[in-house]
Amino acid sequence: MAIGRKASKNTPDQKSSGVDVDALIEKGGSHAGGEEKAPVDDIQKITVRLPTNLVREIDEAIAKRPISISRNQWLAEAAYAALQGRGEG
């Protein structure tokens, strides 16, 4: 770790850029994740119990995809596709 002297309040960079850094810091602002996001849909969380061999087959199907997705996303897509096939989606 390099040790240097403390920067003065009026460094040459502050003067040349025309930005009052102290005022900018005092102004503040928002931070990432500070706002609540509106839900896309009303989402119901559920617990699904599946046989281990079925979970293994799902994971293998996910691994074969060109772009990886979560198991949850795969299950949601499978449920949607099943409903579409039955004419319910």
PDB file of N, CA and C in Angstrom:
ATOM      1  N   MET A   1       0.845  -1.174   0.000  1.00  0.00           N
ATOM      2  CA  MET A   1       0.000   0.000   0.000  1.00  0.00           C
ATOM      3  C   MET A   1       0.885   1.230   0.000  1.00  0.00           C
ATOM      4  N   ALA A   2       0.652   2.095  -0.955  1.00  0.00           N
ATOM      5  CA  ALA A   2       1.445   3.312  -1.050  1.00  0.00           C
ATOM      6  C   ALA A   2       0.898   4.357  -0.092  1.00  0.00           C
ATOM      7  N   ILE A   3       1.822   5.076   0.519  1.00  0.00           N
ATOM      8  CA  ILE A   3       1.417   6.132   1.444  1.00  0.00           C
ATOM      9  C   ILE A   3       1.814   7.452   0.819  1.00  0.00           C
ATOM     10  N   GLY A   4       0.875   8.338   0.741  1.00  0.00           N
ATOM     11  CA  GLY A   4       1.139   9.661   0.177  1.00  0.00           C
ATOM     12  C   GLY A   4       0.563  10.713   1.084  1.00  0.00           C
ATOM     13  N   ARG A   5       0.798  11.935   0.726  1.00  0.00           N
ATOM     14  CA  ARG A   5       0.240  12.978   1.571  1.00  0.00           C
ATOM     15  C   ARG A   5      -1.220  13.209   1.230  1.00  0.00           C
ATOM     16  N   LYS A   6      -1.948  13.720   2.190  1.00  0.00           N
ATOM     17  CA  LYS A   6      -3.372  13.957   2.053  1.00  0.00           C
ATOM     18  C   LYS A   6      -3.599  15.041   1.003  1.00  0.00           C
ATOM     19  N   ALA A   7      -4.569  14.799   0.135  1.00  0.00           N
ATOM     20  CA  ALA A   7      -4.878  15.779  -0.907  1.00  0.00           C
ATOM     21  C   ALA A   7      -5.497  17.015  -0.278  1.00  0.00           C
ATOM     22  N   SER A   8      -5.124  18.157  -0.815  1.00  0.00           N
ATOM     23  CA  SER A   8      -5.716  19.393  -0.303  1.00  0.00           C
ATOM     24  C   SER A   8      -7.112  19.550  -0.879  1.00  0.00           C
ATOM     25  N   LYS A   9      -7.910  20.449  -0.261  1.00  0.00           N
ATOM     26  CA  LYS A   9      -9.284  20.631  -0.710  1.00  0.00           C
ATOM     27  C   LYS A   9      -9.355  21.153  -2.133  1.00  0.00           C
ATOM     28  N   ASN A  10      -8.456  22.000  -2.508  1.00  0.00           N
ATOM     29  CA  ASN A  10      -8.483  22.591  -3.844  1.00  0.00           C
ATOM     30  C   ASN A  10      -7.347  22.040  -4.680  1.00  0.00           C
ATOM     31  N   THR A  11      -7.509  20.831  -5.144  1.00  0.00           N
ATOM     32  CA  THR A  11      -6.483  20.237  -5.980  1.00  0.00           C
ATOM     33  C   THR A  11      -6.585  20.825  -7.377  1.00  0.00           C
ATOM     34  N   PRO A  12      -5.523  20.762  -8.154  1.00  0.00           N
ATOM     35  CA  PRO A  12      -5.570  21.298  -9.517  1.00  0.00           C
ATOM     36  C   PRO A  12      -6.661  20.630 -10.373  1.00  0.00           C
ATOM     37  N   ASP A  13      -6.929  19.335 -10.140  1.00  0.00           N
ATOM     38  CA  ASP A  13      -7.947  18.647 -10.928  1.00  0.00           C
ATOM     39  C   ASP A  13      -9.327  19.243 -10.699  1.00  0.00           C
ATOM     40  N   GLN A  14      -9.611  19.638  -9.454  1.00  0.00           N
ATOM     41  CA  GLN A  14     -10.924  20.220  -9.155  1.00  0.00           C
ATOM     42  C   GLN A  14     -11.087  21.545  -9.876  1.00  0.00           C
ATOM     43  N   LYS A  15     -10.069  22.351  -9.865  1.00  0.00           N
ATOM     44  CA  LYS A  15     -10.153  23.674 -10.486  1.00  0.00           C
ATOM     45  C   LYS A  15     -10.279  23.563 -11.992  1.00  0.00           C
ATOM     46  N   SER A  16      -9.531  22.663 -12.603  1.00  0.00           N
ATOM     47  CA  SER A  16      -9.549  22.580 -14.057  1.00  0.00           C
ATOM     48  C   SER A  16     -10.835  21.980 -14.594  1.00  0.00           C
ATOM     49  N   SER A  17     -11.486  21.104 -13.823  1.00  0.00           N
ATOM     50  CA  SER A  17     -12.704  20.480 -14.322  1.00  0.00           C
ATOM     51  C   SER A  17     -13.926  21.357 -14.094  1.00  0.00           C
ATOM     52  N   GLY A  18     -13.834  22.322 -13.213  1.00  0.00           N
ATOM     53  CA  GLY A  18     -14.956  23.197 -12.940  1.00  0.00           C
ATOM     54  C   GLY A  18     -16.038  22.538 -12.095  1.00  0.00           C
ATOM     55  N   VAL A  19     -15.749  21.376 -11.496  1.00  0.00           N
ATOM     56  CA  VAL A  19     -16.723  20.658 -10.689  1.00  0.00           C
ATOM     57  C   VAL A  19     -16.420  20.884  -9.223  1.00  0.00           C
ATOM     58  N   ASP A  20     -17.435  21.288  -8.472  1.00  0.00           N
ATOM     59  CA  ASP A  20     -17.277  21.436  -7.039  1.00  0.00           C
ATOM     60  C   ASP A  20     -17.590  20.082  -6.417  1.00  0.00           C
ATOM     61  N   VAL A  21     -16.547  19.311  -6.151  1.00  0.00           N
ATOM     62  CA  VAL A  21     -16.707  17.946  -5.666  1.00  0.00           C
ATOM     63  C   VAL A  21     -17.414  17.927  -4.321  1.00  0.00           C
ATOM     64  N   ASP A  22     -17.071  18.852  -3.431  1.00  0.00           N
ATOM     65  CA  ASP A  22     -17.710  18.883  -2.119  1.00  0.00           C
ATOM     66  C   ASP A  22     -19.218  19.096  -2.249  1.00  0.00           C
ATOM     67  N   ALA A  23     -19.639  19.978  -3.131  1.00  0.00           N
ATOM     68  CA  ALA A  23     -21.070  20.217  -3.338  1.00  0.00           C
ATOM     69  C   ALA A  23     -21.742  18.983  -3.925  1.00  0.00           C
ATOM     70  N   LEU A  24     -21.055  18.311  -4.827  1.00  0.00           N
ATOM     71  CA  LEU A  24     -21.603  17.108  -5.436  1.00  0.00           C
ATOM     72  C   LEU A  24     -21.799  16.008  -4.397  1.00  0.00           C
ATOM     73  N   ILE A  25     -20.832  15.867  -3.506  1.00  0.00           N
ATOM     74  CA  ILE A  25     -20.933  14.862  -2.450  1.00  0.00           C
ATOM     75  C   ILE A  25     -22.071  15.216  -1.497  1.00  0.00           C
ATOM     76  N   GLU A  26     -22.190  16.478  -1.130  1.00  0.00           N
ATOM     77  CA  GLU A  26     -23.252  16.910  -0.213  1.00  0.00           C
ATOM     78  C   GLU A  26     -24.635  16.716  -0.827  1.00  0.00           C
ATOM     79  N   LYS A  27     -24.728  16.891  -2.147  1.00  0.00           N
ATOM     80  CA  LYS A  27     -26.013  16.734  -2.830  1.00  0.00           C
ATOM     81  C   LYS A  27     -26.549  15.316  -2.662  1.00  0.00           C
ATOM     82  N   GLY A  28     -25.651  14.349  -2.705  1.00  0.00           N
ATOM     83  CA  GLY A  28     -26.063  12.957  -2.557  1.00  0.00           C
ATOM     84  C   GLY A  28     -26.757  12.457  -3.800  1.00  0.00           C
ATOM     85  N   GLY A  29     -27.458  11.380  -3.651  1.00  0.00           N
ATOM     86  CA  GLY A  29     -28.157  10.797  -4.785  1.00  0.00           C
ATOM     87  C   GLY A  29     -28.692   9.435  -4.411  1.00  0.00           C
ATOM     88  N   SER A  30     -29.217   8.763  -5.394  1.00  0.00           N
ATOM     89  CA  SER A  30     -29.766   7.440  -5.135  1.00  0.00           C
ATOM     90  C   SER A  30     -28.663   6.405  -5.291  1.00  0.00           C
ATOM     91  N   HIS A  31     -28.911   5.240  -4.746  1.00  0.00           N
ATOM     92  CA  HIS A  31     -27.963   4.148  -4.876  1.00  0.00           C
ATOM     93  C   HIS A  31     -28.669   2.964  -5.507  1.00  0.00           C
ATOM     94  N   ALA A  32     -27.899   2.057  -6.021  1.00  0.00           N
ATOM     95  CA  ALA A  32     -28.471   0.881  -6.671  1.00  0.00           C
ATOM     96  C   ALA A  32     -29.328   0.107  -5.689  1.00  0.00           C
ATOM     97  N   GLY A  33     -30.519  -0.280  -6.109  1.00  0.00           N
ATOM     98  CA  GLY A  33     -31.399  -1.065  -5.267  1.00  0.00           C
ATOM     99  C   GLY A  33     -32.147  -0.240  -4.236  1.00  0.00           C
ATOM    100  N   GLY A  34     -32.030   1.070  -4.313  1.00  0.00           N
ATOM    101  CA  GLY A  34     -32.691   1.921  -3.346  1.00  0.00           C
ATOM    102  C   GLY A  34     -34.180   2.064  -3.576  1.00  0.00           C
ATOM    103  N   GLU A  35     -34.611   1.804  -4.785  1.00  0.00           N
ATOM    104  CA  GLU A  35     -36.016   1.946  -5.111  1.00  0.00           C
ATOM    105  C   GLU A  35     -36.668   0.578  -5.145  1.00  0.00           C
ATOM    106  N   GLU A  36     -37.895   0.526  -4.668  1.00  0.00           N
ATOM    107  CA  GLU A  36     -38.622  -0.734  -4.754  1.00  0.00           C
ATOM    108  C   GLU A  36     -39.125  -0.903  -6.171  1.00  0.00           C
ATOM    109  N   LYS A  37     -38.947  -2.091  -6.700  1.00  0.00           N
ATOM    110  CA  LYS A  37     -39.415  -2.369  -8.046  1.00  0.00           C
ATOM    111  C   LYS A  37     -40.853  -2.862  -7.985  1.00  0.00           C
ATOM    112  N   ALA A  38     -41.639  -2.389  -8.918  1.00  0.00           N
ATOM    113  CA  ALA A  38     -43.013  -2.879  -9.004  1.00  0.00           C
ATOM    114  C   ALA A  38     -42.983  -4.283  -9.590  1.00  0.00           C
ATOM    115  N   PRO A  39     -43.735  -5.194  -9.012  1.00  0.00           N
ATOM    116  CA  PRO A  39     -43.729  -6.558  -9.548  1.00  0.00           C
ATOM    117  C   PRO A  39     -44.304  -6.603 -10.955  1.00  0.00           C
ATOM    118  N   VAL A  40     -43.694  -7.433 -11.792  1.00  0.00           N
ATOM    119  CA  VAL A  40     -44.182  -7.599 -13.155  1.00  0.00           C
ATOM    120  C   VAL A  40     -45.570  -8.223 -13.109  1.00  0.00           C
ATOM    121  N   ASP A  41     -45.721  -9.252 -12.347  1.00  0.00           N
ATOM    122  CA  ASP A  41     -46.994  -9.934 -12.130  1.00  0.00           C
ATOM    123  C   ASP A  41     -47.116 -10.225 -10.648  1.00  0.00           C
ATOM    124  N   ASP A  42     -48.282 -10.596 -10.238  1.00  0.00           N
ATOM    125  CA  ASP A  42     -48.446 -11.059  -8.872  1.00  0.00           C
ATOM    126  C   ASP A  42     -47.863 -12.467  -8.810  1.00  0.00           C
ATOM    127  N   ILE A  43     -46.748 -12.627  -8.137  1.00  0.00           N
ATOM    128  CA  ILE A  43     -46.026 -13.902  -8.143  1.00  0.00           C
ATOM    129  C   ILE A  43     -46.323 -14.661  -6.863  1.00  0.00           C
ATOM    130  N   GLN A  44     -46.688 -15.905  -7.015  1.00  0.00           N
ATOM    131  CA  GLN A  44     -46.951 -16.814  -5.885  1.00  0.00           C
ATOM    132  C   GLN A  44     -45.738 -17.710  -5.704  1.00  0.00           C
ATOM    133  N   LYS A  45     -45.158 -17.706  -4.526  1.00  0.00           N
ATOM    134  CA  LYS A  45     -44.041 -18.594  -4.235  1.00  0.00           C
ATOM    135  C   LYS A  45     -44.587 -19.929  -3.773  1.00  0.00           C
ATOM    136  N   ILE A  46     -44.044 -21.004  -4.336  1.00  0.00           N
ATOM    137  CA  ILE A  46     -44.489 -22.346  -3.972  1.00  0.00           C
ATOM    138  C   ILE A  46     -43.282 -23.234  -3.721  1.00  0.00           C
ATOM    139  N   THR A  47     -43.505 -24.317  -3.035  1.00  0.00           N
ATOM    140  CA  THR A  47     -42.484 -25.331  -2.839  1.00  0.00           C
ATOM    141  C   THR A  47     -42.892 -26.546  -3.651  1.00  0.00           C
ATOM    142  N   VAL A  48     -41.963 -27.063  -4.426  1.00  0.00           N
ATOM    143  CA  VAL A  48     -42.243 -28.235  -5.260  1.00  0.00           C
ATOM    144  C   VAL A  48     -41.324 -29.359  -4.811  1.00  0.00           C
ATOM    145  N   ARG A  49     -41.903 -30.500  -4.542  1.00  0.00           N
ATOM    146  CA  ARG A  49     -41.110 -31.671  -4.171  1.00  0.00           C
ATOM    147  C   ARG A  49     -41.114 -32.607  -5.364  1.00  0.00           C
ATOM    148  N   LEU A  50     -39.912 -32.916  -5.856  1.00  0.00           N
ATOM    149  CA  LEU A  50     -39.755 -33.774  -7.029  1.00  0.00           C
ATOM    150  C   LEU A  50     -38.799 -34.911  -6.706  1.00  0.00           C
ATOM    151  N   PRO A  51     -38.990 -36.043  -7.366  1.00  0.00           N
ATOM    152  CA  PRO A  51     -38.036 -37.136  -7.182  1.00  0.00           C
ATOM    153  C   PRO A  51     -36.636 -36.704  -7.654  1.00  0.00           C
ATOM    154  N   THR A  52     -35.633 -37.217  -6.977  1.00  0.00           N
ATOM    155  CA  THR A  52     -34.248 -36.852  -7.285  1.00  0.00           C
ATOM    156  C   THR A  52     -33.897 -37.116  -8.744  1.00  0.00           C
ATOM    157  N   ASN A  53     -34.351 -38.257  -9.290  1.00  0.00           N
ATOM    158  CA  ASN A  53     -34.006 -38.568 -10.679  1.00  0.00           C
ATOM    159  C   ASN A  53     -34.651 -37.572 -11.649  1.00  0.00           C
ATOM    160  N   LEU A  54     -35.837 -37.047 -11.324  1.00  0.00           N
ATOM    161  CA  LEU A  54     -36.471 -36.042 -12.178  1.00  0.00           C
ATOM    162  C   LEU A  54     -35.700 -34.729 -12.122  1.00  0.00           C
ATOM    163  N   VAL A  55     -35.261 -34.352 -10.935  1.00  0.00           N
ATOM    164  CA  VAL A  55     -34.449 -33.134 -10.791  1.00  0.00           C
ATOM    165  C   VAL A  55     -33.155 -33.278 -11.582  1.00  0.00           C
ATOM    166  N   ARG A  56     -32.558 -34.465 -11.541  1.00  0.00           N
ATOM    167  CA  ARG A  56     -31.332 -34.727 -12.287  1.00  0.00           C
ATOM    168  C   ARG A  56     -31.590 -34.561 -13.795  1.00  0.00           C
ATOM    169  N   GLU A  57     -32.723 -35.084 -14.274  1.00  0.00           N
ATOM    170  CA  GLU A  57     -33.060 -34.952 -15.695  1.00  0.00           C
ATOM    171  C   GLU A  57     -33.304 -33.491 -16.079  1.00  0.00           C
ATOM    172  N   ILE A  58     -33.933 -32.747 -15.202  1.00  0.00           N
ATOM    173  CA  ILE A  58     -34.146 -31.318 -15.453  1.00  0.00           C
ATOM    174  C   ILE A  58     -32.805 -30.604 -15.547  1.00  0.00           C
ATOM    175  N   ASP A  59     -31.902 -30.901 -14.604  1.00  0.00           N
ATOM    176  CA  ASP A  59     -30.576 -30.276 -14.620  1.00  0.00           C
ATOM    177  C   ASP A  59     -29.809 -30.639 -15.890  1.00  0.00           C
ATOM    178  N   GLU A  60     -29.951 -31.865 -16.360  1.00  0.00           N
ATOM    179  CA  GLU A  60     -29.295 -32.267 -17.609  1.00  0.00           C
ATOM    180  C   GLU A  60     -29.874 -31.506 -18.794  1.00  0.00           C
ATOM    181  N   ALA A  61     -31.184 -31.311 -18.804  1.00  0.00           N
ATOM    182  CA  ALA A  61     -31.824 -30.548 -19.883  1.00  0.00           C
ATOM    183  C   ALA A  61     -31.350 -29.101 -19.870  1.00  0.00           C
ATOM    184  N   ILE A  62     -31.196 -28.545 -18.681  1.00  0.00           N
ATOM    185  CA  ILE A  62     -30.706 -27.172 -18.557  1.00  0.00           C
ATOM    186  C   ILE A  62     -29.276 -27.084 -19.072  1.00  0.00           C
ATOM    187  N   ALA A  63     -28.450 -28.073 -18.752  1.00  0.00           N
ATOM    188  CA  ALA A  63     -27.040 -28.070 -19.167  1.00  0.00           C
ATOM    189  C   ALA A  63     -26.889 -28.145 -20.687  1.00  0.00           C
ATOM    190  N   LYS A  64     -27.870 -28.730 -21.366  1.00  0.00           N
ATOM    191  CA  LYS A  64     -27.801 -28.867 -22.823  1.00  0.00           C
ATOM    192  C   LYS A  64     -28.189 -27.579 -23.554  1.00  0.00           C
ATOM    193  N   ARG A  65     -28.780 -26.645 -22.849  1.00  0.00           N
ATOM    194  CA  ARG A  65     -29.203 -25.388 -23.482  1.00  0.00           C
ATOM    195  C   ARG A  65     -27.987 -24.534 -23.834  1.00  0.00           C
ATOM    196  N   PRO A  66     -28.074 -23.782 -24.929  1.00  0.00           N
ATOM    197  CA  PRO A  66     -26.941 -22.910 -25.297  1.00  0.00           C
ATOM    198  C   PRO A  66     -26.733 -21.776 -24.294  1.00  0.00           C
ATOM    199  N   ILE A  67     -27.807 -21.345 -23.658  1.00  0.00           N
ATOM    200  CA  ILE A  67     -27.720 -20.303 -22.640  1.00  0.00           C
ATOM    201  C   ILE A  67     -28.315 -20.872 -21.358  1.00  0.00           C
ATOM    202  N   SER A  68     -27.544 -20.843 -20.298  1.00  0.00           N
ATOM    203  CA  SER A  68     -27.974 -21.428 -19.033  1.00  0.00           C
ATOM    204  C   SER A  68     -29.092 -20.600 -18.404  1.00  0.00           C
ATOM    205  N   ILE A  69     -30.049 -21.282 -17.807  1.00  0.00           N
ATOM    206  CA  ILE A  69     -31.109 -20.624 -17.058  1.00  0.00           C
ATOM    207  C   ILE A  69     -31.220 -21.318 -15.702  1.00  0.00           C
ATOM    208  N   SER A  70     -31.948 -20.719 -14.805  1.00  0.00           N
ATOM    209  CA  SER A  70     -32.130 -21.325 -13.485  1.00  0.00           C
ATOM    210  C   SER A  70     -33.137 -22.472 -13.574  1.00  0.00           C
ATOM    211  N   ARG A  71     -33.075 -23.334 -12.601  1.00  0.00           N
ATOM    212  CA  ARG A  71     -34.026 -24.435 -12.528  1.00  0.00           C
ATOM    213  C   ARG A  71     -35.444 -23.875 -12.406  1.00  0.00           C
ATOM    214  N   ASN A  72     -35.602 -22.822 -11.633  1.00  0.00           N
ATOM    215  CA  ASN A  72     -36.900 -22.186 -11.464  1.00  0.00           C
ATOM    216  C   ASN A  72     -37.444 -21.697 -12.813  1.00  0.00           C
ATOM    217  N   GLN A  73     -36.593 -21.046 -13.602  1.00  0.00           N
ATOM    218  CA  GLN A  73     -37.022 -20.560 -14.919  1.00  0.00           C
ATOM    219  C   GLN A  73     -37.398 -21.730 -15.821  1.00  0.00           C
ATOM    220  N   TRP A  74     -36.620 -22.803 -15.763  1.00  0.00           N
ATOM    221  CA  TRP A  74     -36.913 -23.971 -16.591  1.00  0.00           C
ATOM    222  C   TRP A  74     -38.281 -24.545 -16.228  1.00  0.00           C
ATOM    223  N   LEU A  75     -38.552 -24.668 -14.926  1.00  0.00           N
ATOM    224  CA  LEU A  75     -39.836 -25.201 -14.477  1.00  0.00           C
ATOM    225  C   LEU A  75     -40.993 -24.286 -14.893  1.00  0.00           C
ATOM    226  N   ALA A  76     -40.792 -22.977 -14.804  1.00  0.00           N
ATOM    227  CA  ALA A  76     -41.837 -22.035 -15.211  1.00  0.00           C
ATOM    228  C   ALA A  76     -42.122 -22.161 -16.704  1.00  0.00           C
ATOM    229  N   GLU A  77     -41.053 -22.277 -17.515  1.00  0.00           N
ATOM    230  CA  GLU A  77     -41.235 -22.444 -18.964  1.00  0.00           C
ATOM    231  C   GLU A  77     -41.925 -23.763 -19.283  1.00  0.00           C
ATOM    232  N   ALA A  78     -41.569 -24.823 -18.561  1.00  0.00           N
ATOM    233  CA  ALA A  78     -42.186 -26.128 -18.796  1.00  0.00           C
ATOM    234  C   ALA A  78     -43.666 -26.087 -18.445  1.00  0.00           C
ATOM    235  N   ALA A  79     -44.014 -25.437 -17.353  1.00  0.00           N
ATOM    236  CA  ALA A  79     -45.421 -25.325 -16.958  1.00  0.00           C
ATOM    237  C   ALA A  79     -46.195 -24.523 -17.999  1.00  0.00           C
ATOM    238  N   TYR A  80     -45.596 -23.433 -18.469  1.00  0.00           N
ATOM    239  CA  TYR A  80     -46.248 -22.607 -19.486  1.00  0.00           C
ATOM    240  C   TYR A  80     -46.454 -23.401 -20.776  1.00  0.00           C
ATOM    241  N   ALA A  81     -45.424 -24.144 -21.191  1.00  0.00           N
ATOM    242  CA  ALA A  81     -45.527 -24.945 -22.415  1.00  0.00           C
ATOM    243  C   ALA A  81     -46.604 -26.020 -22.270  1.00  0.00           C
ATOM    244  N   ALA A  82     -46.689 -26.617 -21.094  1.00  0.00           N
ATOM    245  CA  ALA A  82     -47.713 -27.651 -20.869  1.00  0.00           C
ATOM    246  C   ALA A  82     -49.102 -27.043 -20.966  1.00  0.00           C
ATOM    247  N   LEU A  83     -49.283 -25.860 -20.411  1.00  0.00           N
ATOM    248  CA  LEU A  83     -50.586 -25.192 -20.498  1.00  0.00           C
ATOM    249  C   LEU A  83     -50.919 -24.789 -21.929  1.00  0.00           C
ATOM    250  N   GLN A  84     -49.906 -24.354 -22.673  1.00  0.00           N
ATOM    251  CA  GLN A  84     -50.118 -23.999 -24.083  1.00  0.00           C
ATOM    252  C   GLN A  84     -50.568 -25.229 -24.877  1.00  0.00           C
ATOM    253  N   GLY A  85     -49.955 -26.353 -24.602  1.00  0.00           N
ATOM    254  CA  GLY A  85     -50.291 -27.591 -25.294  1.00  0.00           C
ATOM    255  C   GLY A  85     -51.713 -28.047 -25.009  1.00  0.00           C
ATOM    256  N   ARG A  86     -52.220 -27.690 -23.856  1.00  0.00           N
ATOM    257  CA  ARG A  86     -53.589 -28.060 -23.481  1.00  0.00           C
ATOM    258  C   ARG A  86     -54.581 -26.978 -23.852  1.00  0.00           C
ATOM    259  N   GLY A  87     -54.060 -25.884 -24.445  1.00  0.00           N
ATOM    260  CA  GLY A  87     -54.929 -24.791 -24.825  1.00  0.00           C
ATOM    261  C   GLY A  87     -55.380 -23.940 -23.665  1.00  0.00           C
ATOM    262  N   GLU A  88     -54.603 -23.945 -22.592  1.00  0.00           N
ATOM    263  CA  GLU A  88     -54.989 -23.191 -21.393  1.00  0.00           C
ATOM    264  C   GLU A  88     -54.113 -21.969 -21.149  1.00  0.00           C
ATOM    265  N   GLY A  89     -53.143 -21.706 -22.018  1.00  0.00           N
ATOM    266  CA  GLY A  89     -52.211 -20.609 -21.750  1.00  0.00           C
ATOM    267  C   GLY A  89     -52.456 -19.382 -22.452  1.00  0.00           C
TER     268      GLY A  89
END
